[in-house]
Protein backbone atom coordinates (compact mmCIF):
# COMPACT_ATOMS: atom_id res chain seq x y z
CA MET A 1 17.75 1.25 9.61
CA GLU A 2 19.11 3.23 12.31
CA THR A 3 15.29 2.78 12.70
CA LEU A 4 15.04 -0.82 12.99
CA THR A 5 17.39 -4.11 15.02
CA ILE A 6 17.70 -7.08 14.81
CA LYS A 7 16.39 -9.75 17.98
CA THR A 8 17.38 -13.27 18.06
CA GLU A 9 15.55 -15.76 20.00
CA ASN A 10 15.87 -19.92 19.78
CA LYS A 11 18.19 -19.09 16.55
CA PHE A 12 14.79 -17.56 15.22
CA ARG A 13 15.65 -13.91 13.41
CA SER A 14 13.33 -11.64 13.35
CA LEU A 15 13.20 -7.79 12.38
CA ILE A 16 11.89 -5.58 15.28
CA THR A 17 11.32 -1.40 14.86
CA LYS A 18 12.36 1.00 17.39
CA ARG A 19 9.63 3.70 16.46
CA GLU A 20 6.20 4.12 15.45
CA TYR A 21 5.40 3.86 11.98
CA LYS A 22 1.58 5.23 10.55
CA LYS A 23 0.09 3.72 7.57
CA GLY A 24 2.15 4.81 4.54
CA GLU A 25 5.03 5.98 6.24
CA VAL A 26 7.81 4.83 4.41
CA ILE A 27 10.04 3.03 6.90
CA CYS A 28 13.97 2.52 4.80
CA ASP A 29 14.90 2.49 1.96
CA ILE A 30 15.46 -1.24 -0.30
CA PRO A 31 19.39 -2.01 -0.21
CA THR A 32 20.58 -2.88 -3.89
CA GLU A 33 24.70 -2.62 -3.26
CA LYS A 34 24.59 -6.79 -4.29
CA ILE A 35 22.54 -7.72 -6.96
CA GLU A 36 22.50 -11.55 -7.87
CA SER A 37 20.79 -13.42 -11.14
CA LYS A 38 19.39 -16.06 -9.08
CA PRO A 39 17.50 -16.06 -5.46
CA ASN A 40 19.07 -16.83 -2.06
CA ARG A 41 17.71 -16.70 1.39
CA PHE A 42 19.02 -13.60 2.12
CA THR A 43 18.00 -12.14 -1.25
CA VAL A 44 14.64 -10.16 -2.21
CA GLN A 45 13.28 -10.66 -6.09
CA ILE A 46 13.27 -6.57 -7.08
CA ASP A 47 13.24 -7.39 -11.31
CA ARG A 48 12.52 -9.96 -13.32
CA ASP A 49 15.78 -11.66 -13.19
CA LYS A 50 17.29 -9.36 -10.34
CA HIS A 51 17.41 -10.24 -6.53
CA THR A 52 19.24 -7.62 -4.20
CA ASN A 53 20.71 -8.72 -0.67
CA VAL A 54 18.83 -6.70 1.80
CA GLY A 55 21.41 -6.98 4.78
CA LYS A 56 19.93 -6.31 7.96
CA LEU A 57 16.32 -6.71 6.10
CA ALA A 58 16.50 -10.61 5.87
CA ALA A 59 15.53 -10.67 8.98
CA LEU A 60 12.27 -9.76 7.84
CA ASN A 61 9.67 -12.83 8.15
CA HIS A 62 6.58 -13.41 6.45
CA SER A 63 3.87 -12.83 7.42
CA CYS A 64 0.37 -13.64 5.46
CA ASP A 65 -1.29 -10.46 7.41
CA PRO A 66 2.44 -8.11 7.12
CA ASN A 67 2.36 -5.04 8.28
CA VAL A 68 5.32 -3.49 5.73
CA ILE A 69 4.77 -3.15 1.65
CA LEU A 70 8.24 -4.04 0.13
CA ASP A 71 8.18 -1.96 -2.88
CA THR A 72 10.35 -3.40 -5.45
CA GLU A 73 9.73 -0.27 -8.45
CA HIS A 74 10.46 2.69 -5.64
CA LEU A 75 13.38 0.09 -3.33
CA LEU A 76 11.71 1.24 -0.49
CA VAL A 77 9.72 -0.62 2.06
CA TYR A 78 5.88 1.09 3.87
CA ALA A 79 3.96 0.12 6.88
CA CYS A 80 0.80 -0.93 5.49
CA LYS A 81 -0.63 -0.75 8.84
CA ASP A 82 0.14 0.91 12.02
CA ILE A 83 3.13 -0.31 14.05
CA GLU A 84 4.01 0.28 18.02
CA LYS A 85 7.41 0.61 18.47
CA GLY A 86 9.07 -3.04 19.47
CA GLU A 87 6.66 -4.55 17.29
CA GLU A 88 8.15 -7.25 14.90
CA LEU A 89 7.98 -6.44 11.10
CA SER A 90 7.04 -8.90 8.47
CA PHE A 91 6.02 -8.78 4.39
CA PHE A 92 3.74 -11.27 2.38
CA TYR A 93 6.81 -13.24 0.73
CA PRO A 94 4.63 -13.53 -2.42
CA ALA A 95 4.60 -9.78 -3.44
CA THR A 96 8.08 -9.70 -4.37
CA GLU A 97 9.09 -13.13 -5.07
CA TRP A 98 8.19 -15.85 -7.75
CA GLU A 99 9.78 -19.05 -7.14
CA MET A 100 11.59 -18.95 -3.34
CA ASP A 101 15.06 -20.63 -3.11
CA ALA A 102 13.74 -22.66 -0.07
CA PRO A 103 10.20 -22.84 0.39
CA PHE A 104 8.86 -23.39 3.59
CA ILE A 105 5.81 -24.00 5.73
CA CYS A 106 4.07 -21.24 7.11
CA LEU A 107 2.75 -20.65 11.15
CA CYS A 108 2.06 -17.37 11.36
CA GLY A 109 -2.06 -18.24 12.47
CA ALA A 110 -3.21 -15.24 10.43
CA SER A 111 -7.24 -15.93 8.88
CA SER A 112 -5.87 -16.69 5.22
CA CYS A 113 -2.80 -18.12 5.92
CA ILE A 114 -1.97 -19.04 2.45
CA HIS A 115 0.68 -22.56 4.77
CA VAL A 116 2.99 -22.99 2.35
CA VAL A 117 5.29 -20.55 1.27
CA ALA A 118 7.02 -20.82 -2.07
CA GLY A 119 6.58 -17.77 -4.20
CA ALA A 120 3.56 -16.45 -6.53
CA ARG A 121 3.43 -18.88 -9.25
CA PHE A 122 2.06 -21.51 -7.17
CA LEU A 123 -0.76 -19.42 -5.24
CA SER A 124 -4.59 -18.90 -7.07
CA LEU A 125 -5.43 -15.64 -8.25
CA SER A 126 -7.93 -15.17 -5.82
CA THR A 127 -5.28 -15.23 -2.94
CA LEU A 128 -3.10 -13.06 -4.72
CA GLU A 129 -5.40 -10.03 -5.72
CA ASN A 130 -5.57 -9.65 -1.68
CA HIS A 131 -2.03 -8.41 -1.29
CA PHE A 132 -0.09 -5.48 -2.86
CA LEU A 133 2.04 -6.78 -5.25
CA ASN A 134 4.88 -6.09 -7.45
CA LYS A 135 4.87 -5.45 -11.06
CA HIS A 136 7.63 -8.52 -11.79
CA ILE A 137 5.32 -10.28 -10.31
CA ARG A 138 2.16 -8.71 -11.78
CA GLU A 139 4.08 -9.72 -15.22
CA TYR A 140 4.32 -12.47 -14.46
CA MET A 141 0.42 -13.61 -13.87
CA ILE A 142 -0.02 -11.51 -16.63
CA GLU A 143 2.33 -14.17 -18.91
CA LEU A 144 0.95 -17.45 -16.60
CA LEU A 145 -2.28 -16.46 -17.29
CA ASN A 146 -1.52 -15.77 -21.55
CA GLY A 147 0.12 -18.96 -21.53
CA THR A 148 -3.03 -20.94 -19.76
CA GLU A 149 -5.32 -19.45 -22.51
CA LEU A 150 -2.96 -19.92 -25.40
CA HIS A 151 -3.33 -23.73 -24.57
CA LEU A 152 -6.80 -24.52 -23.56
CA LYS A 153 -7.15 -22.71 -27.12
CA LYS A 154 -4.77 -25.22 -28.78
CA LEU A 155 -6.59 -28.12 -26.30
CA GLN A 156 -10.17 -26.56 -28.00
CA GLU A 157 -8.62 -27.03 -31.60
CA VAL A 158 -7.52 -30.43 -30.55
CA GLU A 159 -11.47 -32.08 -29.71
CA ALA A 160 -12.21 -30.03 -32.39
CA GLN A 161 -10.67 -31.77 -35.18
């Protein structure tokens, strides 16, 4: 965390790196000192019902074209592309969040922008497949697909009667 600093501009916070990182390099650990059962604006979902207060990492902004990955299985933040000294760090929020406490409009400007950031639950599989997704998000997706398949089978049975 010593290599990261919070920049505040016009009441908006961002997390800036004090050094460069190469793709795949570990930037820092994800703190887990304070675990919550529900999300809030300062937590990251690290498992199905576990949200950790991430301290300084709460200044990490969302991007649909991120430069870091939060790996909640190994509790590490990685560079997913080369990052220059002084660059703002960002990650794809739906990679960790199934349903967000405070959804918002995305203004990242990426060609692949999702426009509304509310959590992975609200995105199509074709959108999600282009991003690193944590284990708990993949598990939720499988449950959702299985539930949809079961629902479709029941509808077909009703139609057949």
